């Protein structure tokens, strides 16, 4: 759904993709947050939190969210055409 390029200070780049599981985790752990609001508001802190969940899940990032934020710059594009729900048959 959202592909992040994580760039550390040495210039190393890792790529992680946040799926609906990461976005659901973000919604559940954040007050008054929704995917629709994410697309409309695009607050950088929300993207960092989603990227943090994706990095923990996919590349085994170990550390706190604050550690993650201090280690990486993010590059990403939001595909607002994606419907995170499955269409009914």
Protein backbone atom coordinates (compact mmCIF):
# COMPACT_ATOMS: atom_id res chain seq x y z
CA UNK A 1 0.00 0.00 0.00
CA UNK A 2 2.70 2.49 0.99
CA UNK A 3 6.32 1.84 0.09
CA UNK A 4 8.88 3.65 2.22
CA UNK A 5 12.53 4.19 1.49
CA UNK A 6 14.35 4.42 4.80
CA UNK A 7 17.59 6.37 4.51
CA UNK A 8 20.03 6.56 7.40
CA UNK A 9 22.78 9.16 7.91
CA UNK A 10 25.39 7.00 6.18
CA UNK A 11 23.28 6.99 3.02
CA UNK A 12 22.21 3.35 3.34
CA UNK A 13 18.69 2.81 2.03
CA UNK A 14 16.23 0.07 2.95
CA UNK A 15 12.80 -0.30 1.44
CA UNK A 16 9.74 -1.49 3.33
CA UNK A 17 6.12 -1.71 2.29
CA UNK A 18 3.37 -0.98 4.77
CA UNK A 19 0.37 -3.21 4.26
CA UNK A 20 -3.14 -3.02 5.64
CA UNK A 21 -1.87 -4.81 8.76
CA UNK A 22 0.51 -1.93 9.52
CA UNK A 23 -2.17 0.67 8.84
CA UNK A 24 -4.63 -1.21 11.05
CA UNK A 25 -2.01 -1.32 13.81
CA UNK A 26 -1.52 2.45 13.42
CA UNK A 27 -5.28 3.08 13.57
CA UNK A 28 -5.65 0.94 16.69
CA UNK A 29 -2.76 2.57 18.53
CA UNK A 30 -3.53 6.17 17.52
CA UNK A 31 -6.43 8.24 18.75
CA UNK A 32 -8.97 9.32 16.10
CA UNK A 33 -6.90 8.14 13.13
CA UNK A 34 -8.20 6.52 9.94
CA UNK A 35 -6.82 5.62 6.54
CA UNK A 36 -9.06 8.23 4.90
CA UNK A 37 -7.74 10.88 7.25
CA UNK A 38 -4.18 9.79 6.55
CA UNK A 39 -4.64 10.35 2.82
CA UNK A 40 -6.35 13.71 3.37
CA UNK A 41 -4.12 15.13 6.12
CA UNK A 42 -0.74 13.51 5.39
CA UNK A 43 0.89 14.27 8.74
CA UNK A 44 4.52 13.15 8.73
CA UNK A 45 4.32 11.73 12.26
CA UNK A 46 1.62 9.32 11.11
CA UNK A 47 3.79 8.10 8.24
CA UNK A 48 6.73 7.57 10.59
CA UNK A 49 4.56 5.46 12.87
CA UNK A 50 3.28 3.34 9.98
CA UNK A 51 6.81 2.94 8.59
CA UNK A 52 7.99 1.93 12.07
CA UNK A 53 5.36 -0.83 12.24
CA UNK A 54 6.27 -2.00 8.73
CA UNK A 55 10.00 -2.05 9.52
CA UNK A 56 9.44 -4.04 12.69
CA UNK A 57 7.32 -6.55 10.78
CA UNK A 58 9.35 -6.90 7.59
CA UNK A 59 13.01 -6.19 8.32
CA UNK A 60 13.06 -6.88 12.05
CA UNK A 61 13.83 -3.33 13.22
CA UNK A 62 14.67 -3.47 16.92
CA UNK A 63 14.19 -0.34 18.98
CA UNK A 64 11.61 2.21 19.93
CA UNK A 65 9.64 4.41 17.60
CA UNK A 66 11.81 7.31 18.75
CA UNK A 67 14.95 5.31 17.82
CA UNK A 68 13.43 4.70 14.39
CA UNK A 69 12.60 8.38 13.89
CA UNK A 70 16.12 9.44 14.86
CA UNK A 71 17.75 6.87 12.58
CA UNK A 72 15.83 7.30 9.31
CA UNK A 73 14.62 9.89 6.86
CA UNK A 74 11.60 8.72 4.88
CA UNK A 75 10.82 8.90 1.19
CA UNK A 76 7.39 7.72 0.08
CA UNK A 77 4.40 8.32 -2.12
CA UNK A 78 0.83 7.75 -1.08
CA UNK A 79 -1.29 5.83 -3.54
CA UNK A 80 -4.65 7.41 -2.71
CA UNK A 81 -6.30 5.39 -5.47
CA UNK A 82 -5.97 2.22 -3.42
CA UNK A 83 -9.08 1.01 -1.62
CA UNK A 84 -7.87 -0.93 1.44
CA UNK A 85 -11.10 -2.94 1.53
CA UNK A 86 -12.01 -5.80 -0.73
CA UNK A 87 -14.80 -5.11 -3.19
CA UNK A 88 -17.94 -7.18 -2.70
CA UNK A 89 -18.57 -9.76 -5.44
